[in-house]
């Protein structure tokens, strides 16, 4: 079974991935086909929506604004829930631009069923 911190690292890597095919494969490895991602008033459900959501964030925050995402230490798992925080920092710097909290509900196989994202 993957550790909570390893899952956090893999999750964050998806948002940094520059290659669309690799990003698509990483999404399929992490989420269930019917998996969902929620943030504020937006919802992405299923691989196509998840790819669109991740690509949009990547284009805005990583490609265009020169940032990268990284998981903070301290990810935790309790039964079927994993929670962790992440930071967005400049590609070549350490000044934190944004912080987020992920609350992931996993299925019996360890894939993401529901992803609740909070910007904190």
PDB file of N, CA and C in Angstrom:
ATOM      1  N   UNK A   1       0.848  -1.178   0.000  1.00  0.00           N
ATOM      2  CA  UNK A   1       0.000   0.000   0.000  1.00  0.00           C
ATOM      3  C   UNK A   1       0.898   1.249   0.000  1.00  0.00           C
ATOM      4  N   UNK A   2       0.560   2.197  -0.809  1.00  0.00           N
ATOM      5  CA  UNK A   2       1.309   3.450  -0.910  1.00  0.00           C
ATOM      6  C   UNK A   2       1.112   4.276   0.367  1.00  0.00           C
ATOM      7  N   UNK A   3       2.155   4.946   0.793  1.00  0.00           N
ATOM      8  CA  UNK A   3       2.026   5.794   1.979  1.00  0.00           C
ATOM      9  C   UNK A   3       1.277   7.077   1.624  1.00  0.00           C
ATOM     10  N   UNK A   4       0.756   7.730   2.642  1.00  0.00           N
ATOM     11  CA  UNK A   4       0.049   8.994   2.422  1.00  0.00           C
ATOM     12  C   UNK A   4       0.976  10.025   1.794  1.00  0.00           C
ATOM     13  N   UNK A   5       2.223  10.090   2.248  1.00  0.00           N
ATOM     14  CA  UNK A   5       3.158  11.074   1.700  1.00  0.00           C
ATOM     15  C   UNK A   5       3.504  10.763   0.251  1.00  0.00           C
ATOM     16  N   UNK A   6       3.675   9.478  -0.073  1.00  0.00           N
ATOM     17  CA  UNK A   6       3.941   9.108  -1.466  1.00  0.00           C
ATOM     18  C   UNK A   6       2.765   9.477  -2.365  1.00  0.00           C
ATOM     19  N   UNK A   7       1.545   9.270  -1.881  1.00  0.00           N
ATOM     20  CA  UNK A   7       0.366   9.663  -2.649  1.00  0.00           C
ATOM     21  C   UNK A   7       0.356  11.174  -2.853  1.00  0.00           C
ATOM     22  N   UNK A   8       0.680  11.925  -1.817  1.00  0.00           N
ATOM     23  CA  UNK A   8       0.737  13.389  -1.932  1.00  0.00           C
ATOM     24  C   UNK A   8       1.758  13.810  -2.983  1.00  0.00           C
ATOM     25  N   UNK A   9       2.919  13.183  -2.989  1.00  0.00           N
ATOM     26  CA  UNK A   9       3.963  13.511  -3.964  1.00  0.00           C
ATOM     27  C   UNK A   9       3.509  13.180  -5.385  1.00  0.00           C
ATOM     28  N   UNK A  10       2.876  12.032  -5.565  1.00  0.00           N
ATOM     29  CA  UNK A  10       2.374  11.651  -6.893  1.00  0.00           C
ATOM     30  C   UNK A  10       1.267  12.599  -7.352  1.00  0.00           C
ATOM     31  N   UNK A  11       0.397  12.985  -6.430  1.00  0.00           N
ATOM     32  CA  UNK A  11      -0.701  13.897  -6.740  1.00  0.00           C
ATOM     33  C   UNK A  11      -0.149  15.231  -7.234  1.00  0.00           C
ATOM     34  N   UNK A  12       0.778  15.797  -6.488  1.00  0.00           N
ATOM     35  CA  UNK A  12       1.350  17.096  -6.849  1.00  0.00           C
ATOM     36  C   UNK A  12       2.099  17.006  -8.176  1.00  0.00           C
ATOM     37  N   UNK A  13       2.756  15.890  -8.433  1.00  0.00           N
ATOM     38  CA  UNK A  13       3.492  15.713  -9.687  1.00  0.00           C
ATOM     39  C   UNK A  13       2.572  15.824 -10.901  1.00  0.00           C
ATOM     40  N   UNK A  14       1.327  15.392 -10.759  1.00  0.00           N
ATOM     41  CA  UNK A  14       0.364  15.489 -11.866  1.00  0.00           C
ATOM     42  C   UNK A  14       0.192  16.943 -12.299  1.00  0.00           C
ATOM     43  N   UNK A  15       0.105  17.850 -11.341  1.00  0.00           N
ATOM     44  CA  UNK A  15      -0.150  19.261 -11.632  1.00  0.00           C
ATOM     45  C   UNK A  15       1.074  19.954 -12.223  1.00  0.00           C
ATOM     46  N   UNK A  16       2.255  19.368 -12.014  1.00  0.00           N
ATOM     47  CA  UNK A  16       3.497  19.911 -12.576  1.00  0.00           C
ATOM     48  C   UNK A  16       3.848  19.303 -13.929  1.00  0.00           C
ATOM     49  N   UNK A  17       3.219  18.209 -14.290  1.00  0.00           N
ATOM     50  CA  UNK A  17       3.580  17.461 -15.501  1.00  0.00           C
ATOM     51  C   UNK A  17       3.356  18.300 -16.761  1.00  0.00           C
ATOM     52  N   UNK A  18       4.398  18.416 -17.578  1.00  0.00           N
ATOM     53  CA  UNK A  18       4.319  19.238 -18.788  1.00  0.00           C
ATOM     54  C   UNK A  18       3.804  18.470 -19.998  1.00  0.00           C
ATOM     55  N   UNK A  19       3.986  17.176 -20.031  1.00  0.00           N
ATOM     56  CA  UNK A  19       3.611  16.353 -21.182  1.00  0.00           C
ATOM     57  C   UNK A  19       2.164  15.865 -21.031  1.00  0.00           C
ATOM     58  N   UNK A  20       1.267  16.251 -21.956  1.00  0.00           N
ATOM     59  CA  UNK A  20      -0.142  15.862 -21.827  1.00  0.00           C
ATOM     60  C   UNK A  20      -0.374  14.352 -21.714  1.00  0.00           C
ATOM     61  N   UNK A  21       0.342  13.541 -22.486  1.00  0.00           N
ATOM     62  CA  UNK A  21       0.131  12.089 -22.417  1.00  0.00           C
ATOM     63  C   UNK A  21       0.558  11.538 -21.060  1.00  0.00           C
ATOM     64  N   UNK A  22       1.672  12.016 -20.545  1.00  0.00           N
ATOM     65  CA  UNK A  22       2.132  11.576 -19.223  1.00  0.00           C
ATOM     66  C   UNK A  22       1.158  12.039 -18.145  1.00  0.00           C
ATOM     67  N   UNK A  23       0.633  13.245 -18.292  1.00  0.00           N
ATOM     68  CA  UNK A  23      -0.355  13.767 -17.339  1.00  0.00           C
ATOM     69  C   UNK A  23      -1.615  12.903 -17.369  1.00  0.00           C
ATOM     70  N   UNK A  24      -2.062  12.562 -18.562  1.00  0.00           N
ATOM     71  CA  UNK A  24      -3.258  11.723 -18.726  1.00  0.00           C
ATOM     72  C   UNK A  24      -3.053  10.370 -18.037  1.00  0.00           C
ATOM     73  N   UNK A  25      -1.887   9.756 -18.248  1.00  0.00           N
ATOM     74  CA  UNK A  25      -1.592   8.463 -17.627  1.00  0.00           C
ATOM     75  C   UNK A  25      -1.527   8.571 -16.109  1.00  0.00           C
ATOM     76  N   UNK A  26      -0.957   9.656 -15.611  1.00  0.00           N
ATOM     77  CA  UNK A  26      -0.862   9.851 -14.165  1.00  0.00           C
ATOM     78  C   UNK A  26      -2.244  10.046 -13.547  1.00  0.00           C
ATOM     79  N   UNK A  27      -3.108  10.759 -14.237  1.00  0.00           N
ATOM     80  CA  UNK A  27      -4.482  10.940 -13.761  1.00  0.00           C
ATOM     81  C   UNK A  27      -5.182   9.590 -13.690  1.00  0.00           C
ATOM     82  N   UNK A  28      -5.031   8.777 -14.725  1.00  0.00           N
ATOM     83  CA  UNK A  28      -5.667   7.455 -14.745  1.00  0.00           C
ATOM     84  C   UNK A  28      -5.119   6.548 -13.647  1.00  0.00           C
ATOM     85  N   UNK A  29      -3.859   6.726 -13.289  1.00  0.00           N
ATOM     86  CA  UNK A  29      -3.273   5.909 -12.225  1.00  0.00           C
ATOM     87  C   UNK A  29      -3.763   6.342 -10.845  1.00  0.00           C
ATOM     88  N   UNK A  30      -4.036   7.620 -10.669  1.00  0.00           N
ATOM     89  CA  UNK A  30      -4.431   8.128  -9.355  1.00  0.00           C
ATOM     90  C   UNK A  30      -5.933   8.099  -9.110  1.00  0.00           C
ATOM     91  N   UNK A  31      -6.722   8.493 -10.093  1.00  0.00           N
ATOM     92  CA  UNK A  31      -8.173   8.607  -9.918  1.00  0.00           C
ATOM     93  C   UNK A  31      -8.899   7.404 -10.504  1.00  0.00           C
ATOM     94  N   UNK A  32     -10.067   7.134  -9.967  1.00  0.00           N
ATOM     95  CA  UNK A  32     -10.991   6.177 -10.580  1.00  0.00           C
ATOM     96  C   UNK A  32     -11.544   6.804 -11.859  1.00  0.00           C
ATOM     97  N   UNK A  33     -12.046   6.000 -12.784  1.00  0.00           N
ATOM     98  CA  UNK A  33     -12.634   6.577 -14.001  1.00  0.00           C
ATOM     99  C   UNK A  33     -13.778   7.550 -13.712  1.00  0.00           C
ATOM    100  N   UNK A  34     -14.504   7.321 -12.624  1.00  0.00           N
ATOM    101  CA  UNK A  34     -15.608   8.210 -12.249  1.00  0.00           C
ATOM    102  C   UNK A  34     -15.222   9.142 -11.101  1.00  0.00           C
ATOM    103  N   UNK A  35     -13.932   9.297 -10.862  1.00  0.00           N
ATOM    104  CA  UNK A  35     -13.450  10.144  -9.774  1.00  0.00           C
ATOM    105  C   UNK A  35     -13.846  11.597  -9.969  1.00  0.00           C
ATOM    106  N   UNK A  36     -13.920  12.319  -8.857  1.00  0.00           N
ATOM    107  CA  UNK A  36     -14.351  13.718  -8.903  1.00  0.00           C
ATOM    108  C   UNK A  36     -13.371  14.603  -8.145  1.00  0.00           C
ATOM    109  N   UNK A  37     -13.291  15.847  -8.604  1.00  0.00           N
ATOM    110  CA  UNK A  37     -12.458  16.879  -7.979  1.00  0.00           C
ATOM    111  C   UNK A  37     -13.353  18.095  -7.778  1.00  0.00           C
ATOM    112  N   UNK A  38     -13.346  18.632  -6.552  1.00  0.00           N
ATOM    113  CA  UNK A  38     -14.161  19.798  -6.235  1.00  0.00           C
ATOM    114  C   UNK A  38     -13.279  20.903  -5.673  1.00  0.00           C
ATOM    115  N   UNK A  39     -13.486  22.114  -6.159  1.00  0.00           N
ATOM    116  CA  UNK A  39     -12.856  23.305  -5.598  1.00  0.00           C
ATOM    117  C   UNK A  39     -13.845  24.456  -5.763  1.00  0.00           C
ATOM    118  N   UNK A  40     -14.157  25.110  -4.664  1.00  0.00           N
ATOM    119  CA  UNK A  40     -15.129  26.210  -4.655  1.00  0.00           C
ATOM    120  C   UNK A  40     -16.377  25.816  -5.431  1.00  0.00           C
ATOM    121  N   UNK A  41     -16.693  26.539  -6.499  1.00  0.00           N
ATOM    122  CA  UNK A  41     -17.911  26.256  -7.257  1.00  0.00           C
ATOM    123  C   UNK A  41     -17.633  25.456  -8.526  1.00  0.00           C
ATOM    124  N   UNK A  42     -16.445  24.864  -8.638  1.00  0.00           N
ATOM    125  CA  UNK A  42     -16.101  24.074  -9.819  1.00  0.00           C
ATOM    126  C   UNK A  42     -16.081  22.590  -9.485  1.00  0.00           C
ATOM    127  N   UNK A  43     -16.421  21.796 -10.491  1.00  0.00           N
ATOM    128  CA  UNK A  43     -16.435  20.344 -10.346  1.00  0.00           C
ATOM    129  C   UNK A  43     -15.860  19.720 -11.606  1.00  0.00           C
ATOM    130  N   UNK A  44     -15.022  18.717 -11.417  1.00  0.00           N
ATOM    131  CA  UNK A  44     -14.518  17.913 -12.536  1.00  0.00           C
ATOM    132  C   UNK A  44     -14.822  16.463 -12.201  1.00  0.00           C
ATOM    133  N   UNK A  45     -15.481  15.773 -13.115  1.00  0.00           N
ATOM    134  CA  UNK A  45     -15.866  14.381 -12.870  1.00  0.00           C
ATOM    135  C   UNK A  45     -15.495  13.541 -14.090  1.00  0.00           C
ATOM    136  N   UNK A  46     -14.738  12.478 -13.858  1.00  0.00           N
ATOM    137  CA  UNK A  46     -14.295  11.605 -14.942  1.00  0.00           C
ATOM    138  C   UNK A  46     -12.982  12.093 -15.531  1.00  0.00           C
ATOM    139  N   UNK A  47     -12.300  11.199 -16.230  1.00  0.00           N
ATOM    140  CA  UNK A  47     -10.961  11.505 -16.735  1.00  0.00           C
ATOM    141  C   UNK A  47     -10.909  12.736 -17.637  1.00  0.00           C
ATOM    142  N   UNK A  48     -11.856  12.891 -18.542  1.00  0.00           N
ATOM    143  CA  UNK A  48     -11.810  14.034 -19.468  1.00  0.00           C
ATOM    144  C   UNK A  48     -11.893  15.358 -18.704  1.00  0.00           C
ATOM    145  N   UNK A  49     -12.823  15.448 -17.754  1.00  0.00           N
ATOM    146  CA  UNK A  49     -12.949  16.674 -16.952  1.00  0.00           C
ATOM    147  C   UNK A  49     -11.724  16.895 -16.072  1.00  0.00           C
ATOM    148  N   UNK A  50     -11.204  15.811 -15.489  1.00  0.00           N
ATOM    149  CA  UNK A  50     -10.016  15.932 -14.644  1.00  0.00           C
ATOM    150  C   UNK A  50      -8.824  16.421 -15.460  1.00  0.00           C
ATOM    151  N   UNK A  51      -8.651  15.872 -16.663  1.00  0.00           N
ATOM    152  CA  UNK A  51      -7.558  16.317 -17.535  1.00  0.00           C
ATOM    153  C   UNK A  51      -7.696  17.802 -17.859  1.00  0.00           C
ATOM    154  N   UNK A  52      -8.910  18.231 -18.161  1.00  0.00           N
ATOM    155  CA  UNK A  52      -9.148  19.639 -18.479  1.00  0.00           C
ATOM    156  C   UNK A  52      -8.837  20.526 -17.274  1.00  0.00           C
ATOM    157  N   UNK A  53      -9.261  20.112 -16.096  1.00  0.00           N
ATOM    158  CA  UNK A  53      -9.016  20.888 -14.872  1.00  0.00           C
ATOM    159  C   UNK A  53      -7.521  20.995 -14.580  1.00  0.00           C
ATOM    160  N   UNK A  54      -6.818  19.865 -14.620  1.00  0.00           N
ATOM    161  CA  UNK A  54      -5.386  19.860 -14.316  1.00  0.00           C
ATOM    162  C   UNK A  54      -4.619  20.645 -15.377  1.00  0.00           C
ATOM    163  N   UNK A  55      -4.954  20.443 -16.639  1.00  0.00           N
ATOM    164  CA  UNK A  55      -4.262  21.167 -17.718  1.00  0.00           C
ATOM    165  C   UNK A  55      -4.460  22.673 -17.575  1.00  0.00           C
ATOM    166  N   UNK A  56      -5.667  23.101 -17.240  1.00  0.00           N
ATOM    167  CA  UNK A  56      -5.930  24.526 -17.067  1.00  0.00           C
ATOM    168  C   UNK A  56      -5.104  25.130 -15.945  1.00  0.00           C
ATOM    169  N   UNK A  57      -5.022  24.428 -14.833  1.00  0.00           N
ATOM    170  CA  UNK A  57      -4.205  24.900 -13.714  1.00  0.00           C
ATOM    171  C   UNK A  57      -2.732  24.907 -14.092  1.00  0.00           C
ATOM    172  N   UNK A  58      -2.291  23.855 -14.767  1.00  0.00           N
ATOM    173  CA  UNK A  58      -0.890  23.770 -15.186  1.00  0.00           C
ATOM    174  C   UNK A  58      -0.532  24.929 -16.120  1.00  0.00           C
ATOM    175  N   UNK A  59      -1.370  25.164 -17.111  1.00  0.00           N
ATOM    176  CA  UNK A  59      -1.085  26.232 -18.077  1.00  0.00           C
ATOM    177  C   UNK A  59      -0.996  27.587 -17.387  1.00  0.00           C
ATOM    178  N   UNK A  60      -1.925  27.867 -16.501  1.00  0.00           N
ATOM    179  CA  UNK A  60      -1.948  29.161 -15.813  1.00  0.00           C
ATOM    180  C   UNK A  60      -0.803  29.298 -14.809  1.00  0.00           C
ATOM    181  N   UNK A  61      -0.667  28.335 -13.928  1.00  0.00           N
ATOM    182  CA  UNK A  61       0.243  28.476 -12.793  1.00  0.00           C
ATOM    183  C   UNK A  61       1.669  28.023 -13.060  1.00  0.00           C
ATOM    184  N   UNK A  62       1.836  26.975 -13.836  1.00  0.00           N
ATOM    185  CA  UNK A  62       3.174  26.414 -14.068  1.00  0.00           C
ATOM    186  C   UNK A  62       3.768  26.971 -15.358  1.00  0.00           C
ATOM    187  N   UNK A  63       3.094  26.724 -16.464  1.00  0.00           N
ATOM    188  CA  UNK A  63       3.644  27.154 -17.759  1.00  0.00           C
ATOM    189  C   UNK A  63       3.734  28.670 -17.877  1.00  0.00           C
ATOM    190  N   UNK A  64       2.621  29.363 -17.664  1.00  0.00           N
ATOM    191  CA  UNK A  64       2.581  30.805 -17.916  1.00  0.00           C
ATOM    192  C   UNK A  64       3.197  31.645 -16.796  1.00  0.00           C
ATOM    193  N   UNK A  65       3.009  31.238 -15.547  1.00  0.00           N
ATOM    194  CA  UNK A  65       3.483  32.049 -14.424  1.00  0.00           C
ATOM    195  C   UNK A  65       4.767  31.537 -13.787  1.00  0.00           C
ATOM    196  N   UNK A  66       5.321  30.442 -14.317  1.00  0.00           N
ATOM    197  CA  UNK A  66       6.626  29.979 -13.855  1.00  0.00           C
ATOM    198  C   UNK A  66       6.676  29.430 -12.444  1.00  0.00           C
ATOM    199  N   UNK A  67       5.590  28.833 -11.992  1.00  0.00           N
ATOM    200  CA  UNK A  67       5.551  28.252 -10.651  1.00  0.00           C
ATOM    201  C   UNK A  67       5.639  26.735 -10.711  1.00  0.00           C
ATOM    202  N   UNK A  68       5.725  26.135  -9.548  1.00  0.00           N
ATOM    203  CA  UNK A  68       5.672  24.683  -9.405  1.00  0.00           C
ATOM    204  C   UNK A  68       4.933  24.382  -8.111  1.00  0.00           C
ATOM    205  N   UNK A  69       4.369  23.200  -8.043  1.00  0.00           N
ATOM    206  CA  UNK A  69       3.683  22.750  -6.839  1.00  0.00           C
ATOM    207  C   UNK A  69       4.561  21.742  -6.119  1.00  0.00           C
ATOM    208  N   UNK A  70       4.478  21.743  -4.789  1.00  0.00           N
ATOM    209  CA  UNK A  70       5.194  20.736  -4.006  1.00  0.00           C
ATOM    210  C   UNK A  70       4.360  20.382  -2.779  1.00  0.00           C
ATOM    211  N   UNK A  71       4.403  19.110  -2.434  1.00  0.00           N
ATOM    212  CA  UNK A  71       3.693  18.636  -1.248  1.00  0.00           C
ATOM    213  C   UNK A  71       4.492  19.001  -0.006  1.00  0.00           C
ATOM    214  N   UNK A  72       3.789  19.401   1.017  1.00  0.00           N
ATOM    215  CA  UNK A  72       4.433  19.622   2.311  1.00  0.00           C
ATOM    216  C   UNK A  72       4.541  18.277   3.030  1.00  0.00           C
ATOM    217  N   UNK A  73       5.516  18.134   3.918  1.00  0.00           N
ATOM    218  CA  UNK A  73       5.583  16.912   4.731  1.00  0.00           C
ATOM    219  C   UNK A  73       4.359  16.821   5.643  1.00  0.00           C
ATOM    220  N   UNK A  74       4.054  15.620   6.091  1.00  0.00           N
ATOM    221  CA  UNK A  74       2.997  15.452   7.080  1.00  0.00           C
ATOM    222  C   UNK A  74       1.681  14.924   6.552  1.00  0.00           C
ATOM    223  N   UNK A  75       1.666  14.369   5.339  1.00  0.00           N
ATOM    224  CA  UNK A  75       0.427  13.772   4.829  1.00  0.00           C
ATOM    225  C   UNK A  75      -0.037  12.684   5.798  1.00  0.00           C
ATOM    226  N   UNK A  76      -1.355  12.559   5.948  1.00  0.00           N
ATOM    227  CA  UNK A  76      -1.914  11.579   6.881  1.00  0.00           C
ATOM    228  C   UNK A  76      -3.004  10.762   6.211  1.00  0.00           C
ATOM    229  N   UNK A  77      -3.120   9.521   6.675  1.00  0.00           N
ATOM    230  CA  UNK A  77      -4.185   8.649   6.192  1.00  0.00           C
ATOM    231  C   UNK A  77      -4.955   8.115   7.387  1.00  0.00           C
ATOM    232  N   UNK A  78      -6.268   8.109   7.251  1.00  0.00           N
ATOM    233  CA  UNK A  78      -7.155   7.497   8.230  1.00  0.00           C
ATOM    234  C   UNK A  78      -8.211   6.733   7.445  1.00  0.00           C
ATOM    235  N   UNK A  79      -8.113   5.435   7.481  1.00  0.00           N
ATOM    236  CA  UNK A  79      -8.996   4.549   6.720  1.00  0.00           C
ATOM    237  C   UNK A  79      -8.960   4.890   5.232  1.00  0.00           C
ATOM    238  N   UNK A  80     -10.066   5.397   4.690  1.00  0.00           N
ATOM    239  CA  UNK A  80     -10.110   5.675   3.250  1.00  0.00           C
ATOM    240  C   UNK A  80      -9.896   7.151   2.919  1.00  0.00           C
ATOM    241  N   UNK A  81      -9.357   7.916   3.864  1.00  0.00           N
ATOM    242  CA  UNK A  81      -9.136   9.347   3.655  1.00  0.00           C
ATOM    243  C   UNK A  81      -7.650   9.673   3.780  1.00  0.00           C
ATOM    244  N   UNK A  82      -7.156  10.463   2.834  1.00  0.00           N
ATOM    245  CA  UNK A  82      -5.801  11.012   2.901  1.00  0.00           C
ATOM    246  C   UNK A  82      -5.933  12.523   2.853  1.00  0.00           C
ATOM    247  N   UNK A  83      -5.190  13.188   3.717  1.00  0.00           N
ATOM    248  CA  UNK A  83      -5.174  14.640   3.707  1.00  0.00           C
ATOM    249  C   UNK A  83      -3.731  15.125   3.731  1.00  0.00           C
ATOM    250  N   UNK A  84      -3.497  16.202   3.013  1.00  0.00           N
ATOM    251  CA  UNK A  84      -2.163  16.797   2.975  1.00  0.00           C
ATOM    252  C   UNK A  84      -2.279  18.228   2.486  1.00  0.00           C
ATOM    253  N   UNK A  85      -1.210  18.978   2.695  1.00  0.00           N
ATOM    254  CA  UNK A  85      -1.145  20.341   2.183  1.00  0.00           C
ATOM    255  C   UNK A  85      -0.036  20.434   1.154  1.00  0.00           C
ATOM    256  N   UNK A  86      -0.179  21.408   0.277  1.00  0.00           N
ATOM    257  CA  UNK A  86       0.811  21.654  -0.771  1.00  0.00           C
ATOM    258  C   UNK A  86       1.062  23.148  -0.861  1.00  0.00           C
ATOM    259  N   UNK A  87       2.153  23.469  -1.548  1.00  0.00           N
ATOM    260  CA  UNK A  87       2.521  24.866  -1.770  1.00  0.00           C
ATOM    261  C   UNK A  87       2.768  25.091  -3.251  1.00  0.00           C
ATOM    262  N   UNK A  88       2.482  26.301  -3.694  1.00  0.00           N
ATOM    263  CA  UNK A  88       2.898  26.741  -5.020  1.00  0.00           C
ATOM    264  C   UNK A  88       4.015  27.752  -4.804  1.00  0.00           C
ATOM    265  N   UNK A  89       5.162  27.482  -5.431  1.00  0.00           N
ATOM    266  CA  UNK A  89       6.340  28.342  -5.289  1.00  0.00           C
ATOM    267  C   UNK A  89       6.902  28.637  -6.674  1.00  0.00           C
ATOM    268  N   UNK A  90       7.685  29.710  -6.822  1.00  0.00           N
ATOM    269  CA  UNK A  90       8.327  29.971  -8.107  1.00  0.00           C
ATOM    270  C   UNK A  90       9.238  28.802  -8.492  1.00  0.00           C
ATOM    271  N   UNK A  91       9.314  28.526  -9.774  1.00  0.00           N
ATOM    272  CA  UNK A  91      10.131  27.415 -10.275  1.00  0.00           C
ATOM    273  C   UNK A  91      11.550  27.468  -9.707  1.00  0.00           C
ATOM    274  N   UNK A  92      12.121  28.653  -9.637  1.00  0.00           N
ATOM    275  CA  UNK A  92      13.498  28.803  -9.170  1.00  0.00           C
ATOM    276  C   UNK A  92      13.578  29.512  -7.826  1.00  0.00           C
ATOM    277  N   UNK A  93      12.550  29.379  -7.002  1.00  0.00           N
ATOM    278  CA  UNK A  93      12.544  30.085  -5.730  1.00  0.00           C
ATOM    279  C   UNK A  93      11.817  29.315  -4.649  1.00  0.00           C
ATOM    280  N   UNK A  94      11.709  29.943  -3.507  1.00  0.00           N
ATOM    281  CA  UNK A  94      11.093  29.306  -2.347  1.00  0.00           C
ATOM    282  C   UNK A  94       9.940  30.113  -1.756  1.00  0.00           C
ATOM    283  N   UNK A  95       9.697  31.321  -2.245  1.00  0.00           N
ATOM    284  CA  UNK A  95       8.641  32.166  -1.681  1.00  0.00           C
ATOM    285  C   UNK A  95       7.272  31.566  -1.998  1.00  0.00           C
ATOM    286  N   UNK A  96       6.540  31.199  -0.977  1.00  0.00           N
ATOM    287  CA  UNK A  96       5.248  30.537  -1.151  1.00  0.00           C
ATOM    288  C   UNK A  96       4.238  31.516  -1.740  1.00  0.00           C
ATOM    289  N   UNK A  97       3.641  31.133  -2.864  1.00  0.00           N
ATOM    290  CA  UNK A  97       2.641  31.945  -3.558  1.00  0.00           C
ATOM    291  C   UNK A  97       1.210  31.554  -3.181  1.00  0.00           C
ATOM    292  N   UNK A  98       1.022  30.277  -2.844  1.00  0.00           N
ATOM    293  CA  UNK A  98      -0.303  29.770  -2.475  1.00  0.00           C
ATOM    294  C   UNK A  98      -0.124  28.485  -1.680  1.00  0.00           C
ATOM    295  N   UNK A  99      -1.134  28.178  -0.861  1.00  0.00           N
ATOM    296  CA  UNK A  99      -1.147  26.946  -0.074  1.00  0.00           C
ATOM    297  C   UNK A  99      -2.513  26.305  -0.258  1.00  0.00           C
ATOM    298  N   UNK A 100      -2.517  24.998  -0.408  1.00  0.00           N
ATOM    299  CA  UNK A 100      -3.764  24.277  -0.555  1.00  0.00           C
ATOM    300  C   UNK A 100      -3.840  23.085   0.377  1.00  0.00           C
ATOM    301  N   UNK A 101      -5.058  22.666   0.659  1.00  0.00           N
ATOM    302  CA  UNK A 101      -5.336  21.482   1.465  1.00  0.00           C
ATOM    303  C   UNK A 101      -6.130  20.518   0.600  1.00  0.00           C
ATOM    304  N   UNK A 102      -5.668  19.286   0.531  1.00  0.00           N
ATOM    305  CA  UNK A 102      -6.393  18.237  -0.191  1.00  0.00           C
ATOM    306  C   UNK A 102      -7.004  17.281   0.819  1.00  0.00           C
ATOM    307  N   UNK A 103      -8.253  16.920   0.581  1.00  0.00           N
ATOM    308  CA  UNK A 103      -8.971  15.917   1.359  1.00  0.00           C
ATOM    309  C   UNK A 103      -9.423  14.886   0.342  1.00  0.00           C
ATOM    310  N   UNK A 104      -8.732  13.745   0.305  1.00  0.00           N
ATOM    311  CA  UNK A 104      -8.986  12.725  -0.701  1.00  0.00           C
ATOM    312  C   UNK A 104      -9.714  11.538  -0.086  1.00  0.00           C
ATOM    313  N   UNK A 105     -10.793  11.108  -0.718  1.00  0.00           N
ATOM    314  CA  UNK A 105     -11.488   9.885  -0.338  1.00  0.00           C
ATOM    315  C   UNK A 105     -11.084   8.833  -1.362  1.00  0.00           C
ATOM    316  N   UNK A 106     -10.536   7.716  -0.875  1.00  0.00           N
ATOM    317  CA  UNK A 106     -10.023   6.665  -1.748  1.00  0.00           C
ATOM    318  C   UNK A 106     -10.992   5.490  -1.815  1.00  0.00           C
ATOM    319  N   UNK A 107     -10.931   4.758  -2.930  1.00  0.00           N
ATOM    320  CA  UNK A 107     -11.715   3.532  -3.037  1.00  0.00           C
ATOM    321  C   UNK A 107     -10.913   2.370  -2.438  1.00  0.00           C
ATOM    322  N   UNK A 108     -11.453   1.171  -2.511  1.00  0.00           N
ATOM    323  CA  UNK A 108     -10.803  -0.002  -1.917  1.00  0.00           C
ATOM    324  C   UNK A 108      -9.460  -0.323  -2.571  1.00  0.00           C
ATOM    325  N   UNK A 109      -9.234   0.151  -3.799  1.00  0.00           N
ATOM    326  CA  UNK A 109      -7.972  -0.081  -4.504  1.00  0.00           C
ATOM    327  C   UNK A 109      -6.967   1.047  -4.306  1.00  0.00           C
ATOM    328  N   UNK A 110      -7.335   2.048  -3.525  1.00  0.00           N
ATOM    329  CA  UNK A 110      -6.426   3.155  -3.261  1.00  0.00           C
ATOM    330  C   UNK A 110      -6.468   4.261  -4.294  1.00  0.00           C
ATOM    331  N   UNK A 111      -7.442   4.213  -5.213  1.00  0.00           N
ATOM    332  CA  UNK A 111      -7.587   5.289  -6.194  1.00  0.00           C
ATOM    333  C   UNK A 111      -8.509   6.371  -5.636  1.00  0.00           C
ATOM    334  N   UNK A 112      -8.320   7.590  -6.132  1.00  0.00           N
ATOM    335  CA  UNK A 112      -9.104   8.723  -5.648  1.00  0.00           C
ATOM    336  C   UNK A 112     -10.533   8.630  -6.177  1.00  0.00           C
ATOM    337  N   UNK A 113     -11.467   8.580  -5.253  1.00  0.00           N
ATOM    338  CA  UNK A 113     -12.888   8.611  -5.581  1.00  0.00           C
ATOM    339  C   UNK A 113     -13.368  10.060  -5.589  1.00  0.00           C
ATOM    340  N   UNK A 114     -13.004  10.800  -4.531  1.00  0.00           N
ATOM    341  CA  UNK A 114     -13.402  12.196  -4.406  1.00  0.00           C
ATOM    342  C   UNK A 114     -12.225  13.007  -3.882  1.00  0.00           C
ATOM    343  N   UNK A 115     -11.998  14.154  -4.506  1.00  0.00           N
ATOM    344  CA  UNK A 115     -10.903  15.061  -4.161  1.00  0.00           C
ATOM    345  C   UNK A 115     -11.511  16.420  -3.842  1.00  0.00           C
ATOM    346  N   UNK A 116     -11.423  16.810  -2.576  1.00  0.00           N
ATOM    347  CA  UNK A 116     -11.881  18.135  -2.157  1.00  0.00           C
ATOM    348  C   UNK A 116     -10.645  19.005  -1.988  1.00  0.00           C
ATOM    349  N   UNK A 117     -10.574  20.097  -2.733  1.00  0.00           N
ATOM    350  CA  UNK A 117      -9.413  20.981  -2.688  1.00  0.00           C
ATOM    351  C   UNK A 117      -9.815  22.325  -2.089  1.00  0.00           C
ATOM    352  N   UNK A 118      -9.027  22.764  -1.115  1.00  0.00           N
ATOM    353  CA  UNK A 118      -9.249  24.046  -0.458  1.00  0.00           C
ATOM    354  C   UNK A 118      -7.993  24.886  -0.602  1.00  0.00           C
ATOM    355  N   UNK A 119      -8.134  26.125  -1.021  1.00  0.00           N
ATOM    356  CA  UNK A 119      -7.018  27.061  -1.034  1.00  0.00           C
ATOM    357  C   UNK A 119      -7.055  27.762   0.323  1.00  0.00           C
ATOM    358  N   UNK A 120      -5.961  27.661   1.067  1.00  0.00           N
ATOM    359  CA  UNK A 120      -5.956  28.186   2.445  1.00  0.00           C
ATOM    360  C   UNK A 120      -4.915  29.277   2.620  1.00  0.00           C
TER     361      UNK A 120
END
